[in-house]
PDB file of N, CA and C in Angstrom:
ATOM      1  N   UNK A   1       0.851  -1.186   0.000  1.00  0.00           N
ATOM      2  CA  UNK A   1       0.000   0.000   0.000  1.00  0.00           C
ATOM      3  C   UNK A   1       0.894   1.246   0.000  1.00  0.00           C
ATOM      4  N   UNK A   2       0.666   2.174  -0.929  1.00  0.00           N
ATOM      5  CA  UNK A   2       1.502   3.376  -0.980  1.00  0.00           C
ATOM      6  C   UNK A   2       1.271   4.275   0.232  1.00  0.00           C
ATOM      7  N   UNK A   3       2.307   5.005   0.565  1.00  0.00           N
ATOM      8  CA  UNK A   3       2.231   5.934   1.698  1.00  0.00           C
ATOM      9  C   UNK A   3       1.448   7.176   1.298  1.00  0.00           C
ATOM     10  N   UNK A   4       0.767   7.762   2.282  1.00  0.00           N
ATOM     11  CA  UNK A   4       0.149   9.058   2.010  1.00  0.00           C
ATOM     12  C   UNK A   4       1.214  10.141   2.198  1.00  0.00           C
ATOM     13  N   UNK A   5       0.854  11.368   1.902  1.00  0.00           N
ATOM     14  CA  UNK A   5       1.826  12.472   1.935  1.00  0.00           C
ATOM     15  C   UNK A   5       2.450  12.662   3.320  1.00  0.00           C
ATOM     16  N   UNK A   6       1.632  12.580   4.347  1.00  0.00           N
ATOM     17  CA  UNK A   6       2.121  12.794   5.712  1.00  0.00           C
ATOM     18  C   UNK A   6       3.095  11.682   6.122  1.00  0.00           C
ATOM     19  N   UNK A   7       2.798  10.455   5.736  1.00  0.00           N
ATOM     20  CA  UNK A   7       3.681   9.333   6.054  1.00  0.00           C
ATOM     21  C   UNK A   7       5.029   9.482   5.336  1.00  0.00           C
ATOM     22  N   UNK A   8       4.972   9.921   4.087  1.00  0.00           N
ATOM     23  CA  UNK A   8       6.205  10.146   3.328  1.00  0.00           C
ATOM     24  C   UNK A   8       7.021  11.264   3.952  1.00  0.00           C
ATOM     25  N   UNK A   9       6.336  12.341   4.365  1.00  0.00           N
ATOM     26  CA  UNK A   9       7.036  13.450   5.043  1.00  0.00           C
ATOM     27  C   UNK A   9       7.701  12.938   6.309  1.00  0.00           C
ATOM     28  N   UNK A  10       7.007  12.055   7.043  1.00  0.00           N
ATOM     29  CA  UNK A  10       7.594  11.494   8.257  1.00  0.00           C
ATOM     30  C   UNK A  10       8.879  10.738   7.929  1.00  0.00           C
ATOM     31  N   UNK A  11       8.838   9.885   6.926  1.00  0.00           N
ATOM     32  CA  UNK A  11      10.008   9.080   6.588  1.00  0.00           C
ATOM     33  C   UNK A  11      11.210   9.962   6.273  1.00  0.00           C
ATOM     34  N   UNK A  12      11.000  11.017   5.503  1.00  0.00           N
ATOM     35  CA  UNK A  12      12.098  11.910   5.153  1.00  0.00           C
ATOM     36  C   UNK A  12      12.530  12.765   6.348  1.00  0.00           C
ATOM     37  N   UNK A  13      11.586  13.164   7.167  1.00  0.00           N
ATOM     38  CA  UNK A  13      11.918  13.933   8.370  1.00  0.00           C
ATOM     39  C   UNK A  13      12.688  13.063   9.356  1.00  0.00           C
ATOM     40  N   UNK A  14      12.358  11.786   9.426  1.00  0.00           N
ATOM     41  CA  UNK A  14      13.064  10.855  10.318  1.00  0.00           C
ATOM     42  C   UNK A  14      14.548  10.814   9.957  1.00  0.00           C
ATOM     43  N   UNK A  15      14.824  10.787   8.680  1.00  0.00           N
ATOM     44  CA  UNK A  15      16.213  10.801   8.216  1.00  0.00           C
ATOM     45  C   UNK A  15      16.856  12.134   8.575  1.00  0.00           C
ATOM     46  N   UNK A  16      16.162  13.231   8.263  1.00  0.00           N
ATOM     47  CA  UNK A  16      16.701  14.577   8.513  1.00  0.00           C
ATOM     48  C   UNK A  16      16.912  14.845   9.994  1.00  0.00           C
ATOM     49  N   UNK A  17      16.085  14.234  10.853  1.00  0.00           N
ATOM     50  CA  UNK A  17      16.183  14.439  12.299  1.00  0.00           C
ATOM     51  C   UNK A  17      17.174  13.471  12.942  1.00  0.00           C
ATOM     52  N   UNK A  18      17.897  12.731  12.142  1.00  0.00           N
ATOM     53  CA  UNK A  18      18.902  11.827  12.682  1.00  0.00           C
ATOM     54  C   UNK A  18      18.305  10.662  13.449  1.00  0.00           C
ATOM     55  N   UNK A  19      17.119  10.236  13.067  1.00  0.00           N
ATOM     56  CA  UNK A  19      16.498   9.090  13.721  1.00  0.00           C
ATOM     57  C   UNK A  19      15.651   9.435  14.929  1.00  0.00           C
ATOM     58  N   UNK A  20      15.339  10.693  15.120  1.00  0.00           N
ATOM     59  CA  UNK A  20      14.473  11.098  16.225  1.00  0.00           C
ATOM     60  C   UNK A  20      13.023  11.012  15.743  1.00  0.00           C
ATOM     61  N   UNK A  21      12.356   9.918  16.095  1.00  0.00           N
ATOM     62  CA  UNK A  21      11.010   9.670  15.610  1.00  0.00           C
ATOM     63  C   UNK A  21       9.989  10.691  16.066  1.00  0.00           C
ATOM     64  N   UNK A  22      10.053  11.088  17.318  1.00  0.00           N
ATOM     65  CA  UNK A  22       9.083  12.064  17.835  1.00  0.00           C
ATOM     66  C   UNK A  22       9.209  13.394  17.099  1.00  0.00           C
ATOM     67  N   UNK A  23      10.443  13.871  16.954  1.00  0.00           N
ATOM     68  CA  UNK A  23      10.669  15.133  16.250  1.00  0.00           C
ATOM     69  C   UNK A  23      10.227  15.027  14.790  1.00  0.00           C
ATOM     70  N   UNK A  24      10.486  13.889  14.171  1.00  0.00           N
ATOM     71  CA  UNK A  24      10.099  13.688  12.776  1.00  0.00           C
ATOM     72  C   UNK A  24       8.587  13.696  12.629  1.00  0.00           C
ATOM     73  N   UNK A  25       7.891  13.068  13.551  1.00  0.00           N
ATOM     74  CA  UNK A  25       6.428  13.037  13.494  1.00  0.00           C
ATOM     75  C   UNK A  25       5.854  14.446  13.636  1.00  0.00           C
ATOM     76  N   UNK A  26       6.396  15.215  14.541  1.00  0.00           N
ATOM     77  CA  UNK A  26       5.943  16.598  14.725  1.00  0.00           C
ATOM     78  C   UNK A  26       6.214  17.411  13.462  1.00  0.00           C
ATOM     79  N   UNK A  27       7.412  17.243  12.911  1.00  0.00           N
ATOM     80  CA  UNK A  27       7.778  17.977  11.699  1.00  0.00           C
ATOM     81  C   UNK A  27       6.885  17.580  10.521  1.00  0.00           C
ATOM     82  N   UNK A  28       6.446  16.330  10.497  1.00  0.00           N
ATOM     83  CA  UNK A  28       5.585  15.853   9.413  1.00  0.00           C
ATOM     84  C   UNK A  28       4.143  16.312   9.580  1.00  0.00           C
ATOM     85  N   UNK A  29       3.815  16.857  10.756  1.00  0.00           N
ATOM     86  CA  UNK A  29       2.475  17.400  10.956  1.00  0.00           C
ATOM     87  C   UNK A  29       1.594  16.628  11.910  1.00  0.00           C
ATOM     88  N   UNK A  30       2.155  15.646  12.596  1.00  0.00           N
ATOM     89  CA  UNK A  30       1.367  14.897  13.577  1.00  0.00           C
ATOM     90  C   UNK A  30       1.304  15.672  14.889  1.00  0.00           C
ATOM     91  N   UNK A  31       0.322  15.390  15.694  1.00  0.00           N
ATOM     92  CA  UNK A  31       0.104  16.060  16.970  1.00  0.00           C
ATOM     93  C   UNK A  31       1.281  15.848  17.919  1.00  0.00           C
ATOM     94  N   UNK A  32       1.609  16.885  18.663  1.00  0.00           N
ATOM     95  CA  UNK A  32       2.681  16.795  19.667  1.00  0.00           C
ATOM     96  C   UNK A  32       2.367  15.714  20.702  1.00  0.00           C
ATOM     97  N   UNK A  33       1.110  15.602  21.068  1.00  0.00           N
ATOM     98  CA  UNK A  33       0.742  14.658  22.131  1.00  0.00           C
ATOM     99  C   UNK A  33       0.824  13.203  21.691  1.00  0.00           C
ATOM    100  N   UNK A  34       0.658  12.954  20.402  1.00  0.00           N
ATOM    101  CA  UNK A  34       0.699  11.566  19.934  1.00  0.00           C
ATOM    102  C   UNK A  34       1.923  11.265  19.076  1.00  0.00           C
ATOM    103  N   UNK A  35       2.848  12.200  18.995  1.00  0.00           N
ATOM    104  CA  UNK A  35       3.979  12.070  18.073  1.00  0.00           C
ATOM    105  C   UNK A  35       4.829  10.835  18.342  1.00  0.00           C
ATOM    106  N   UNK A  36       5.141  10.555  19.592  1.00  0.00           N
ATOM    107  CA  UNK A  36       6.001   9.411  19.903  1.00  0.00           C
ATOM    108  C   UNK A  36       5.323   8.097  19.521  1.00  0.00           C
ATOM    109  N   UNK A  37       4.051   7.962  19.834  1.00  0.00           N
ATOM    110  CA  UNK A  37       3.310   6.749  19.487  1.00  0.00           C
ATOM    111  C   UNK A  37       3.176   6.627  17.977  1.00  0.00           C
ATOM    112  N   UNK A  38       2.877   7.729  17.323  1.00  0.00           N
ATOM    113  CA  UNK A  38       2.723   7.717  15.866  1.00  0.00           C
ATOM    114  C   UNK A  38       4.045   7.320  15.200  1.00  0.00           C
ATOM    115  N   UNK A  39       5.155   7.849  15.706  1.00  0.00           N
ATOM    116  CA  UNK A  39       6.468   7.493  15.154  1.00  0.00           C
ATOM    117  C   UNK A  39       6.729   6.002  15.300  1.00  0.00           C
ATOM    118  N   UNK A  40       6.425   5.464  16.454  1.00  0.00           N
ATOM    119  CA  UNK A  40       6.605   4.037  16.699  1.00  0.00           C
ATOM    120  C   UNK A  40       5.800   3.220  15.692  1.00  0.00           C
ATOM    121  N   UNK A  41       4.566   3.609  15.482  1.00  0.00           N
ATOM    122  CA  UNK A  41       3.694   2.908  14.533  1.00  0.00           C
ATOM    123  C   UNK A  41       4.215   3.039  13.098  1.00  0.00           C
ATOM    124  N   UNK A  42       4.620   4.239  12.726  1.00  0.00           N
ATOM    125  CA  UNK A  42       5.076   4.467  11.366  1.00  0.00           C
ATOM    126  C   UNK A  42       6.370   3.720  11.054  1.00  0.00           C
ATOM    127  N   UNK A  43       7.219   3.578  12.046  1.00  0.00           N
ATOM    128  CA  UNK A  43       8.486   2.880  11.817  1.00  0.00           C
ATOM    129  C   UNK A  43       8.291   1.381  11.607  1.00  0.00           C
ATOM    130  N   UNK A  44       7.095   0.886  11.830  1.00  0.00           N
ATOM    131  CA  UNK A  44       6.769  -0.519  11.570  1.00  0.00           C
ATOM    132  C   UNK A  44       6.209  -0.731  10.160  1.00  0.00           C
ATOM    133  N   UNK A  45       5.936   0.361   9.455  1.00  0.00           N
ATOM    134  CA  UNK A  45       5.353   0.281   8.111  1.00  0.00           C
ATOM    135  C   UNK A  45       6.473  -0.040   7.107  1.00  0.00           C
ATOM    136  N   UNK A  46       6.326  -1.131   6.361  1.00  0.00           N
ATOM    137  CA  UNK A  46       7.393  -1.541   5.440  1.00  0.00           C
ATOM    138  C   UNK A  46       7.829  -0.453   4.449  1.00  0.00           C
ATOM    139  N   UNK A  47       6.894   0.334   3.945  1.00  0.00           N
ATOM    140  CA  UNK A  47       7.254   1.382   2.987  1.00  0.00           C
ATOM    141  C   UNK A  47       8.087   2.477   3.639  1.00  0.00           C
ATOM    142  N   UNK A  48       7.820   2.781   4.893  1.00  0.00           N
ATOM    143  CA  UNK A  48       8.641   3.753   5.633  1.00  0.00           C
ATOM    144  C   UNK A  48      10.025   3.154   5.858  1.00  0.00           C
ATOM    145  N   UNK A  49      10.080   1.907   6.255  1.00  0.00           N
ATOM    146  CA  UNK A  49      11.361   1.222   6.453  1.00  0.00           C
ATOM    147  C   UNK A  49      12.181   1.223   5.167  1.00  0.00           C
ATOM    148  N   UNK A  50      11.522   1.043   4.026  1.00  0.00           N
ATOM    149  CA  UNK A  50      12.220   1.037   2.741  1.00  0.00           C
ATOM    150  C   UNK A  50      12.876   2.385   2.454  1.00  0.00           C
ATOM    151  N   UNK A  51      12.168   3.470   2.714  1.00  0.00           N
ATOM    152  CA  UNK A  51      12.729   4.810   2.478  1.00  0.00           C
ATOM    153  C   UNK A  51      13.945   5.027   3.366  1.00  0.00           C
ATOM    154  N   UNK A  52      13.822   4.680   4.637  1.00  0.00           N
ATOM    155  CA  UNK A  52      14.926   4.868   5.578  1.00  0.00           C
ATOM    156  C   UNK A  52      16.120   3.986   5.180  1.00  0.00           C
ATOM    157  N   UNK A  53      15.856   2.737   4.822  1.00  0.00           N
ATOM    158  CA  UNK A  53      16.934   1.817   4.450  1.00  0.00           C
ATOM    159  C   UNK A  53      17.623   2.258   3.162  1.00  0.00           C
ATOM    160  N   UNK A  54      16.855   2.743   2.199  1.00  0.00           N
ATOM    161  CA  UNK A  54      17.441   3.233   0.949  1.00  0.00           C
ATOM    162  C   UNK A  54      18.389   4.391   1.228  1.00  0.00           C
ATOM    163  N   UNK A  55      17.987   5.276   2.133  1.00  0.00           N
ATOM    164  CA  UNK A  55      18.855   6.395   2.503  1.00  0.00           C
ATOM    165  C   UNK A  55      20.125   5.890   3.184  1.00  0.00           C
ATOM    166  N   UNK A  56      19.966   4.955   4.114  1.00  0.00           N
ATOM    167  CA  UNK A  56      21.143   4.413   4.815  1.00  0.00           C
ATOM    168  C   UNK A  56      22.102   3.745   3.843  1.00  0.00           C
ATOM    169  N   UNK A  57      21.557   2.986   2.889  1.00  0.00           N
ATOM    170  CA  UNK A  57      22.392   2.324   1.882  1.00  0.00           C
ATOM    171  C   UNK A  57      23.164   3.343   1.053  1.00  0.00           C
ATOM    172  N   UNK A  58      22.490   4.437   0.690  1.00  0.00           N
ATOM    173  CA  UNK A  58      23.147   5.486  -0.112  1.00  0.00           C
ATOM    174  C   UNK A  58      24.261   6.150   0.674  1.00  0.00           C
ATOM    175  N   UNK A  59      24.038   6.375   1.955  1.00  0.00           N
ATOM    176  CA  UNK A  59      25.061   6.997   2.803  1.00  0.00           C
ATOM    177  C   UNK A  59      26.261   6.066   2.936  1.00  0.00           C
ATOM    178  N   UNK A  60      25.996   4.798   3.151  1.00  0.00           N
ATOM    179  CA  UNK A  60      27.085   3.826   3.294  1.00  0.00           C
ATOM    180  C   UNK A  60      27.872   3.693   1.997  1.00  0.00           C
ATOM    181  N   UNK A  61      27.180   3.736   0.868  1.00  0.00           N
ATOM    182  CA  UNK A  61      27.840   3.619  -0.424  1.00  0.00           C
ATOM    183  C   UNK A  61      28.715   4.843  -0.698  1.00  0.00           C
ATOM    184  N   UNK A  62      28.295   6.001  -0.206  1.00  0.00           N
ATOM    185  CA  UNK A  62      29.031   7.252  -0.428  1.00  0.00           C
ATOM    186  C   UNK A  62      30.321   7.313   0.378  1.00  0.00           C
ATOM    187  N   UNK A  63      30.388   6.548   1.464  1.00  0.00           N
ATOM    188  CA  UNK A  63      31.590   6.583   2.335  1.00  0.00           C
ATOM    189  C   UNK A  63      32.766   5.928   1.712  1.00  0.00           C
TER     190      UNK A  63
END
């Protein structure tokens, strides 16, 4: 299932925030009060994991 815009923003914000899920969720537009739980849930989504892993692979390849 494709990600919606907010989920995609979270995945990219997670990378930009250095792996801080709560901060990434807030930056993606999720509520401050539920950001940590939402981040935990989103990090279990295979499509989000794919975006994060693709970025990690690119960083490792660049080194």
